[in-house]
Amino acid sequence: MANHQATKKDVRQAAKRREKNRYQGKTTRNAIRDLKAVTDKAAAAGKLPEVIAMIDKMAKNGIIHKNKASNLKSKLAIRVNKIA
């Protein structure tokens, strides 16, 4: 365990960041799952910008890589466009 005050503080901050990142990641994954389950094109097109914003925020905060974010957004857009 840490002995210095600054190291103890760093451990506390890291735990707080980890919880926030896990929450943000899980929430985004759930939103992606829900978007994939939608069968109505209008509803899917309405939800797509919200999910894309969540993915962009994760990439900006360094939770996921920017290329992974681009791949996710591209695949979701293709999927939404294919809905009949």
PDB file of N, CA and C in Angstrom:
ATOM      1  N   MET A   1       0.850  -1.191   0.000  1.00  0.00           N
ATOM      2  CA  MET A   1       0.000   0.000   0.000  1.00  0.00           C
ATOM      3  C   MET A   1       0.884   1.239   0.000  1.00  0.00           C
ATOM      4  N   ALA A   2       0.324   2.323  -0.509  1.00  0.00           N
ATOM      5  CA  ALA A   2       1.060   3.574  -0.648  1.00  0.00           C
ATOM      6  C   ALA A   2       1.371   4.181   0.714  1.00  0.00           C
ATOM      7  N   ASN A   3       2.527   4.835   0.809  1.00  0.00           N
ATOM      8  CA  ASN A   3       2.945   5.454   2.055  1.00  0.00           C
ATOM      9  C   ASN A   3       2.931   6.981   2.002  1.00  0.00           C
ATOM     10  N   HIS A   4       3.038   7.544   0.822  1.00  0.00           N
ATOM     11  CA  HIS A   4       3.067   9.001   0.691  1.00  0.00           C
ATOM     12  C   HIS A   4       1.658   9.535   0.455  1.00  0.00           C
ATOM     13  N   GLN A   5       1.438  10.747   0.928  1.00  0.00           N
ATOM     14  CA  GLN A   5       0.118  11.375   0.779  1.00  0.00           C
ATOM     15  C   GLN A   5      -0.275  11.497  -0.692  1.00  0.00           C
ATOM     16  N   ALA A   6       0.680  11.941  -1.519  1.00  0.00           N
ATOM     17  CA  ALA A   6       0.389  12.147  -2.934  1.00  0.00           C
ATOM     18  C   ALA A   6       0.044  10.822  -3.611  1.00  0.00           C
ATOM     19  N   THR A   7       0.721   9.756  -3.209  1.00  0.00           N
ATOM     20  CA  THR A   7       0.446   8.444  -3.799  1.00  0.00           C
ATOM     21  C   THR A   7      -0.919   7.934  -3.353  1.00  0.00           C
ATOM     22  N   LYS A   8      -1.275   8.180  -2.109  1.00  0.00           N
ATOM     23  CA  LYS A   8      -2.590   7.784  -1.620  1.00  0.00           C
ATOM     24  C   LYS A   8      -3.691   8.530  -2.377  1.00  0.00           C
ATOM     25  N   LYS A   9      -3.449   9.823  -2.606  1.00  0.00           N
ATOM     26  CA  LYS A   9      -4.418  10.628  -3.357  1.00  0.00           C
ATOM     27  C   LYS A   9      -4.537  10.109  -4.786  1.00  0.00           C
ATOM     28  N   ASP A  10      -3.403   9.757  -5.389  1.00  0.00           N
ATOM     29  CA  ASP A  10      -3.414   9.247  -6.758  1.00  0.00           C
ATOM     30  C   ASP A  10      -4.215   7.945  -6.848  1.00  0.00           C
ATOM     31  N   VAL A  11      -4.107   7.099  -5.834  1.00  0.00           N
ATOM     32  CA  VAL A  11      -4.867   5.841  -5.803  1.00  0.00           C
ATOM     33  C   VAL A  11      -6.364   6.149  -5.734  1.00  0.00           C
ATOM     34  N   ARG A  12      -6.742   7.129  -4.901  1.00  0.00           N
ATOM     35  CA  ARG A  12      -8.151   7.507  -4.796  1.00  0.00           C
ATOM     36  C   ARG A  12      -8.671   8.052  -6.119  1.00  0.00           C
ATOM     37  N   GLN A  13      -7.884   8.922  -6.761  1.00  0.00           N
ATOM     38  CA  GLN A  13      -8.300   9.516  -8.023  1.00  0.00           C
ATOM     39  C   GLN A  13      -8.428   8.465  -9.119  1.00  0.00           C
ATOM     40  N   ALA A  14      -7.484   7.515  -9.139  1.00  0.00           N
ATOM     41  CA  ALA A  14      -7.520   6.466 -10.155  1.00  0.00           C
ATOM     42  C   ALA A  14      -8.768   5.609  -9.994  1.00  0.00           C
ATOM     43  N   ALA A  15      -9.141   5.322  -8.767  1.00  0.00           N
ATOM     44  CA  ALA A  15     -10.337   4.523  -8.515  1.00  0.00           C
ATOM     45  C   ALA A  15     -11.585   5.268  -8.996  1.00  0.00           C
ATOM     46  N   LYS A  16     -11.615   6.571  -8.743  1.00  0.00           N
ATOM     47  CA  LYS A  16     -12.754   7.387  -9.159  1.00  0.00           C
ATOM     48  C   LYS A  16     -12.856   7.425 -10.692  1.00  0.00           C
ATOM     49  N   ARG A  17     -11.711   7.615 -11.354  1.00  0.00           N
ATOM     50  CA  ARG A  17     -11.691   7.648 -12.819  1.00  0.00           C
ATOM     51  C   ARG A  17     -12.099   6.302 -13.403  1.00  0.00           C
ATOM     52  N   ARG A  18     -11.610   5.216 -12.787  1.00  0.00           N
ATOM     53  CA  ARG A  18     -11.923   3.880 -13.283  1.00  0.00           C
ATOM     54  C   ARG A  18     -13.435   3.618 -13.224  1.00  0.00           C
ATOM     55  N   GLU A  19     -14.065   4.015 -12.113  1.00  0.00           N
ATOM     56  CA  GLU A  19     -15.513   3.835 -11.982  1.00  0.00           C
ATOM     57  C   GLU A  19     -16.268   4.640 -13.044  1.00  0.00           C
ATOM     58  N   LYS A  20     -15.834   5.876 -13.255  1.00  0.00           N
ATOM     59  CA  LYS A  20     -16.480   6.730 -14.249  1.00  0.00           C
ATOM     60  C   LYS A  20     -16.324   6.144 -15.649  1.00  0.00           C
ATOM     61  N   ASN A  21     -15.131   5.673 -15.971  1.00  0.00           N
ATOM     62  CA  ASN A  21     -14.870   5.095 -17.284  1.00  0.00           C
ATOM     63  C   ASN A  21     -15.681   3.821 -17.490  1.00  0.00           C
ATOM     64  N   ARG A  22     -15.770   2.977 -16.455  1.00  0.00           N
ATOM     65  CA  ARG A  22     -16.551   1.742 -16.563  1.00  0.00           C
ATOM     66  C   ARG A  22     -18.017   2.061 -16.782  1.00  0.00           C
ATOM     67  N   TYR A  23     -18.528   3.051 -16.066  1.00  0.00           N
ATOM     68  CA  TYR A  23     -19.932   3.449 -16.222  1.00  0.00           C
ATOM     69  C   TYR A  23     -20.186   3.954 -17.635  1.00  0.00           C
ATOM     70  N   GLN A  24     -19.303   4.832 -18.111  1.00  0.00           N
ATOM     71  CA  GLN A  24     -19.472   5.411 -19.437  1.00  0.00           C
ATOM     72  C   GLN A  24     -19.394   4.325 -20.511  1.00  0.00           C
ATOM     73  N   GLY A  25     -18.466   3.398 -20.363  1.00  0.00           N
ATOM     74  CA  GLY A  25     -18.325   2.321 -21.333  1.00  0.00           C
ATOM     75  C   GLY A  25     -19.533   1.409 -21.352  1.00  0.00           C
ATOM     76  N   LYS A  26     -20.008   1.037 -20.177  1.00  0.00           N
ATOM     77  CA  LYS A  26     -21.156   0.142 -20.088  1.00  0.00           C
ATOM     78  C   LYS A  26     -22.411   0.808 -20.640  1.00  0.00           C
ATOM     79  N   THR A  27     -22.606   2.083 -20.322  1.00  0.00           N
ATOM     80  CA  THR A  27     -23.769   2.815 -20.807  1.00  0.00           C
ATOM     81  C   THR A  27     -23.752   2.904 -22.334  1.00  0.00           C
ATOM     82  N   THR A  28     -22.587   3.150 -22.893  1.00  0.00           N
ATOM     83  CA  THR A  28     -22.469   3.251 -24.346  1.00  0.00           C
ATOM     84  C   THR A  28     -22.711   1.898 -24.997  1.00  0.00           C
ATOM     85  N   ARG A  29     -22.156   0.840 -24.426  1.00  0.00           N
ATOM     86  CA  ARG A  29     -22.385  -0.501 -24.988  1.00  0.00           C
ATOM     87  C   ARG A  29     -23.866  -0.854 -24.960  1.00  0.00           C
ATOM     88  N   ASN A  30     -24.556  -0.492 -23.882  1.00  0.00           N
ATOM     89  CA  ASN A  30     -25.994  -0.754 -23.797  1.00  0.00           C
ATOM     90  C   ASN A  30     -26.755   0.041 -24.859  1.00  0.00           C
ATOM     91  N   ALA A  31     -26.341   1.288 -25.087  1.00  0.00           N
ATOM     92  CA  ALA A  31     -26.997   2.118 -26.101  1.00  0.00           C
ATOM     93  C   ALA A  31     -26.783   1.528 -27.489  1.00  0.00           C
ATOM     94  N   ILE A  32     -25.581   1.012 -27.753  1.00  0.00           N
ATOM     95  CA  ILE A  32     -25.286   0.385 -29.038  1.00  0.00           C
ATOM     96  C   ILE A  32     -26.147  -0.865 -29.209  1.00  0.00           C
ATOM     97  N   ARG A  33     -26.248  -1.660 -28.151  1.00  0.00           N
ATOM     98  CA  ARG A  33     -27.074  -2.862 -28.195  1.00  0.00           C
ATOM     99  C   ARG A  33     -28.530  -2.508 -28.481  1.00  0.00           C
ATOM    100  N   ASP A  34     -29.036  -1.484 -27.822  1.00  0.00           N
ATOM    101  CA  ASP A  34     -30.420  -1.065 -28.031  1.00  0.00           C
ATOM    102  C   ASP A  34     -30.638  -0.552 -29.459  1.00  0.00           C
ATOM    103  N   LEU A  35     -29.653   0.174 -29.977  1.00  0.00           N
ATOM    104  CA  LEU A  35     -29.759   0.685 -31.343  1.00  0.00           C
ATOM    105  C   LEU A  35     -29.788  -0.470 -32.342  1.00  0.00           C
ATOM    106  N   LYS A  36     -28.968  -1.490 -32.112  1.00  0.00           N
ATOM    107  CA  LYS A  36     -28.938  -2.640 -33.013  1.00  0.00           C
ATOM    108  C   LYS A  36     -30.260  -3.401 -32.988  1.00  0.00           C
ATOM    109  N   ALA A  37     -30.977  -3.344 -31.880  1.00  0.00           N
ATOM    110  CA  ALA A  37     -32.226  -4.079 -31.745  1.00  0.00           C
ATOM    111  C   ALA A  37     -33.400  -3.375 -32.409  1.00  0.00           C
ATOM    112  N   VAL A  38     -33.257  -2.088 -32.718  1.00  0.00           N
ATOM    113  CA  VAL A  38     -34.358  -1.323 -33.314  1.00  0.00           C
ATOM    114  C   VAL A  38     -34.579  -1.789 -34.755  1.00  0.00           C
ATOM    115  N   THR A  39     -35.838  -1.984 -35.117  1.00  0.00           N
ATOM    116  CA  THR A  39     -36.159  -2.430 -36.472  1.00  0.00           C
ATOM    117  C   THR A  39     -36.824  -1.335 -37.307  1.00  0.00           C
ATOM    118  N   ASP A  40     -37.211  -0.247 -36.686  1.00  0.00           N
ATOM    119  CA  ASP A  40     -37.848   0.868 -37.391  1.00  0.00           C
ATOM    120  C   ASP A  40     -36.779   1.867 -37.839  1.00  0.00           C
ATOM    121  N   LYS A  41     -36.751   2.175 -39.129  1.00  0.00           N
ATOM    122  CA  LYS A  41     -35.689   3.035 -39.664  1.00  0.00           C
ATOM    123  C   LYS A  41     -35.724   4.442 -39.058  1.00  0.00           C
ATOM    124  N   ALA A  42     -36.918   5.003 -38.881  1.00  0.00           N
ATOM    125  CA  ALA A  42     -37.027   6.356 -38.331  1.00  0.00           C
ATOM    126  C   ALA A  42     -36.526   6.400 -36.887  1.00  0.00           C
ATOM    127  N   ALA A  43     -36.881   5.399 -36.108  1.00  0.00           N
ATOM    128  CA  ALA A  43     -36.429   5.351 -34.714  1.00  0.00           C
ATOM    129  C   ALA A  43     -34.919   5.166 -34.641  1.00  0.00           C
ATOM    130  N   ALA A  44     -34.396   4.299 -35.500  1.00  0.00           N
ATOM    131  CA  ALA A  44     -32.950   4.051 -35.514  1.00  0.00           C
ATOM    132  C   ALA A  44     -32.196   5.307 -35.931  1.00  0.00           C
ATOM    133  N   ALA A  45     -32.716   6.006 -36.942  1.00  0.00           N
ATOM    134  CA  ALA A  45     -32.069   7.239 -37.403  1.00  0.00           C
ATOM    135  C   ALA A  45     -32.123   8.316 -36.325  1.00  0.00           C
ATOM    136  N   GLY A  46     -33.160   8.295 -35.506  1.00  0.00           N
ATOM    137  CA  GLY A  46     -33.256   9.258 -34.416  1.00  0.00           C
ATOM    138  C   GLY A  46     -32.298   8.964 -33.282  1.00  0.00           C
ATOM    139  N   LYS A  47     -32.043   7.674 -33.029  1.00  0.00           N
ATOM    140  CA  LYS A  47     -31.146   7.296 -31.937  1.00  0.00           C
ATOM    141  C   LYS A  47     -29.676   7.356 -32.321  1.00  0.00           C
ATOM    142  N   LEU A  48     -29.394   7.247 -33.625  1.00  0.00           N
ATOM    143  CA  LEU A  48     -28.007   7.171 -34.087  1.00  0.00           C
ATOM    144  C   LEU A  48     -27.152   8.362 -33.637  1.00  0.00           C
ATOM    145  N   PRO A  49     -27.599   9.616 -33.770  1.00  0.00           N
ATOM    146  CA  PRO A  49     -26.748  10.737 -33.336  1.00  0.00           C
ATOM    147  C   PRO A  49     -26.414  10.702 -31.843  1.00  0.00           C
ATOM    148  N   GLU A  50     -27.345  10.239 -31.018  1.00  0.00           N
ATOM    149  CA  GLU A  50     -27.083  10.142 -29.579  1.00  0.00           C
ATOM    150  C   GLU A  50     -25.980   9.133 -29.303  1.00  0.00           C
ATOM    151  N   VAL A  51     -26.059   7.985 -29.963  1.00  0.00           N
ATOM    152  CA  VAL A  51     -25.060   6.932 -29.749  1.00  0.00           C
ATOM    153  C   VAL A  51     -23.705   7.376 -30.285  1.00  0.00           C
ATOM    154  N   ILE A  52     -23.698   8.041 -31.429  1.00  0.00           N
ATOM    155  CA  ILE A  52     -22.446   8.531 -31.999  1.00  0.00           C
ATOM    156  C   ILE A  52     -21.793   9.547 -31.059  1.00  0.00           C
ATOM    157  N   ALA A  53     -22.604  10.399 -30.447  1.00  0.00           N
ATOM    158  CA  ALA A  53     -22.068  11.380 -29.500  1.00  0.00           C
ATOM    159  C   ALA A  53     -21.436  10.676 -28.296  1.00  0.00           C
ATOM    160  N   MET A  54     -22.071   9.600 -27.829  1.00  0.00           N
ATOM    161  CA  MET A  54     -21.517   8.847 -26.694  1.00  0.00           C
ATOM    162  C   MET A  54     -20.178   8.218 -27.077  1.00  0.00           C
ATOM    163  N   ILE A  55     -20.101   7.659 -28.287  1.00  0.00           N
ATOM    164  CA  ILE A  55     -18.863   7.024 -28.750  1.00  0.00           C
ATOM    165  C   ILE A  55     -17.765   8.075 -28.890  1.00  0.00           C
ATOM    166  N   ASP A  56     -18.108   9.245 -29.457  1.00  0.00           N
ATOM    167  CA  ASP A  56     -17.122  10.321 -29.614  1.00  0.00           C
ATOM    168  C   ASP A  56     -16.597  10.789 -28.260  1.00  0.00           C
ATOM    169  N   LYS A  57     -17.480  10.870 -27.279  1.00  0.00           N
ATOM    170  CA  LYS A  57     -17.067  11.303 -25.950  1.00  0.00           C
ATOM    171  C   LYS A  57     -16.094  10.298 -25.328  1.00  0.00           C
ATOM    172  N   MET A  58     -16.354   9.002 -25.536  1.00  0.00           N
ATOM    173  CA  MET A  58     -15.453   7.981 -25.015  1.00  0.00           C
ATOM    174  C   MET A  58     -14.078   8.089 -25.675  1.00  0.00           C
ATOM    175  N   ALA A  59     -14.062   8.344 -26.980  1.00  0.00           N
ATOM    176  CA  ALA A  59     -12.789   8.472 -27.689  1.00  0.00           C
ATOM    177  C   ALA A  59     -12.044   9.721 -27.231  1.00  0.00           C
ATOM    178  N   LYS A  60     -12.785  10.809 -27.009  1.00  0.00           N
ATOM    179  CA  LYS A  60     -12.155  12.054 -26.569  1.00  0.00           C
ATOM    180  C   LYS A  60     -11.513  11.896 -25.199  1.00  0.00           C
ATOM    181  N   ASN A  61     -12.185  11.141 -24.325  1.00  0.00           N
ATOM    182  CA  ASN A  61     -11.671  10.946 -22.970  1.00  0.00           C
ATOM    183  C   ASN A  61     -10.641   9.834 -22.876  1.00  0.00           C
ATOM    184  N   GLY A  62     -10.347   9.164 -23.994  1.00  0.00           N
ATOM    185  CA  GLY A  62      -9.307   8.140 -23.997  1.00  0.00           C
ATOM    186  C   GLY A  62      -9.768   6.796 -23.473  1.00  0.00           C
ATOM    187  N   ILE A  63     -11.065   6.581 -23.392  1.00  0.00           N
ATOM    188  CA  ILE A  63     -11.581   5.305 -22.911  1.00  0.00           C
ATOM    189  C   ILE A  63     -11.455   4.260 -24.009  1.00  0.00           C
ATOM    190  N   ILE A  64     -11.704   4.679 -25.256  1.00  0.00           N
ATOM    191  CA  ILE A  64     -11.458   3.815 -26.403  1.00  0.00           C
ATOM    192  C   ILE A  64     -10.597   4.578 -27.401  1.00  0.00           C
ATOM    193  N   HIS A  65      -9.953   3.847 -28.301  1.00  0.00           N
ATOM    194  CA  HIS A  65      -9.095   4.455 -29.311  1.00  0.00           C
ATOM    195  C   HIS A  65      -9.951   5.149 -30.371  1.00  0.00           C
ATOM    196  N   LYS A  66      -9.424   6.198 -30.971  1.00  0.00           N
ATOM    197  CA  LYS A  66     -10.202   6.956 -31.958  1.00  0.00           C
ATOM    198  C   LYS A  66     -10.544   6.102 -33.176  1.00  0.00           C
ATOM    199  N   ASN A  67      -9.674   5.159 -33.542  1.00  0.00           N
ATOM    200  CA  ASN A  67      -9.984   4.298 -34.684  1.00  0.00           C
ATOM    201  C   ASN A  67     -11.107   3.325 -34.348  1.00  0.00           C
ATOM    202  N   LYS A  68     -11.136   2.844 -33.124  1.00  0.00           N
ATOM    203  CA  LYS A  68     -12.231   1.970 -32.705  1.00  0.00           C
ATOM    204  C   LYS A  68     -13.546   2.746 -32.736  1.00  0.00           C
ATOM    205  N   ALA A  69     -13.496   3.998 -32.306  1.00  0.00           N
ATOM    206  CA  ALA A  69     -14.689   4.832 -32.344  1.00  0.00           C
ATOM    207  C   ALA A  69     -15.172   4.998 -33.780  1.00  0.00           C
ATOM    208  N   SER A  70     -14.251   5.234 -34.698  1.00  0.00           N
ATOM    209  CA  SER A  70     -14.621   5.397 -36.105  1.00  0.00           C
ATOM    210  C   SER A  70     -15.226   4.115 -36.654  1.00  0.00           C
ATOM    211  N   ASN A  71     -14.640   2.978 -36.305  1.00  0.00           N
ATOM    212  CA  ASN A  71     -15.165   1.700 -36.780  1.00  0.00           C
ATOM    213  C   ASN A  71     -16.570   1.454 -36.246  1.00  0.00           C
ATOM    214  N   LEU A  72     -16.784   1.730 -34.967  1.00  0.00           N
ATOM    215  CA  LEU A  72     -18.106   1.542 -34.373  1.00  0.00           C
ATOM    216  C   LEU A  72     -19.146   2.421 -35.060  1.00  0.00           C
ATOM    217  N   LYS A  73     -18.802   3.694 -35.253  1.00  0.00           N
ATOM    218  CA  LYS A  73     -19.741   4.628 -35.864  1.00  0.00           C
ATOM    219  C   LYS A  73     -20.066   4.218 -37.302  1.00  0.00           C
ATOM    220  N   SER A  74     -19.054   3.785 -38.025  1.00  0.00           N
ATOM    221  CA  SER A  74     -19.254   3.377 -39.406  1.00  0.00           C
ATOM    222  C   SER A  74     -20.169   2.157 -39.490  1.00  0.00           C
ATOM    223  N   LYS A  75     -19.902   1.165 -38.659  1.00  0.00           N
ATOM    224  CA  LYS A  75     -20.717  -0.045 -38.686  1.00  0.00           C
ATOM    225  C   LYS A  75     -22.155   0.234 -38.272  1.00  0.00           C
ATOM    226  N   LEU A  76     -22.334   1.114 -37.296  1.00  0.00           N
ATOM    227  CA  LEU A  76     -23.687   1.456 -36.881  1.00  0.00           C
ATOM    228  C   LEU A  76     -24.435   2.198 -37.983  1.00  0.00           C
ATOM    229  N   ALA A  77     -23.747   3.117 -38.658  1.00  0.00           N
ATOM    230  CA  ALA A  77     -24.377   3.871 -39.732  1.00  0.00           C
ATOM    231  C   ALA A  77     -24.781   2.940 -40.869  1.00  0.00           C
ATOM    232  N   ILE A  78     -23.913   2.000 -41.215  1.00  0.00           N
ATOM    233  CA  ILE A  78     -24.230   1.032 -42.266  1.00  0.00           C
ATOM    234  C   ILE A  78     -25.443   0.203 -41.856  1.00  0.00           C
ATOM    235  N   ARG A  79     -25.466  -0.218 -40.603  1.00  0.00           N
ATOM    236  CA  ARG A  79     -26.572  -1.043 -40.129  1.00  0.00           C
ATOM    237  C   ARG A  79     -27.897  -0.278 -40.156  1.00  0.00           C
ATOM    238  N   VAL A  80     -27.859   0.986 -39.747  1.00  0.00           N
ATOM    239  CA  VAL A  80     -29.081   1.797 -39.744  1.00  0.00           C
ATOM    240  C   VAL A  80     -29.557   2.035 -41.182  1.00  0.00           C
ATOM    241  N   ASN A  81     -28.627   2.254 -42.096  1.00  0.00           N
ATOM    242  CA  ASN A  81     -29.003   2.499 -43.496  1.00  0.00           C
ATOM    243  C   ASN A  81     -29.573   1.261 -44.168  1.00  0.00           C
ATOM    244  N   LYS A  82     -29.206   0.081 -43.679  1.00  0.00           N
ATOM    245  CA  LYS A  82     -29.699  -1.165 -44.288  1.00  0.00           C
ATOM    246  C   LYS A  82     -31.104  -1.525 -43.824  1.00  0.00           C
ATOM    247  N   ILE A  83     -31.565  -0.891 -42.737  1.00  0.00           N
ATOM    248  CA  ILE A  83     -32.902  -1.218 -42.238  1.00  0.00           C
ATOM    249  C   ILE A  83     -33.930  -0.838 -43.303  1.00  0.00           C
ATOM    250  N   ALA A  84     -34.826  -1.793 -43.601  1.00  0.00           N
ATOM    251  CA  ALA A  84     -35.824  -1.556 -44.651  1.00  0.00           C
ATOM    252  C   ALA A  84     -37.027  -0.821 -44.106  1.00  0.00           C
TER     253      ALA A  84
END
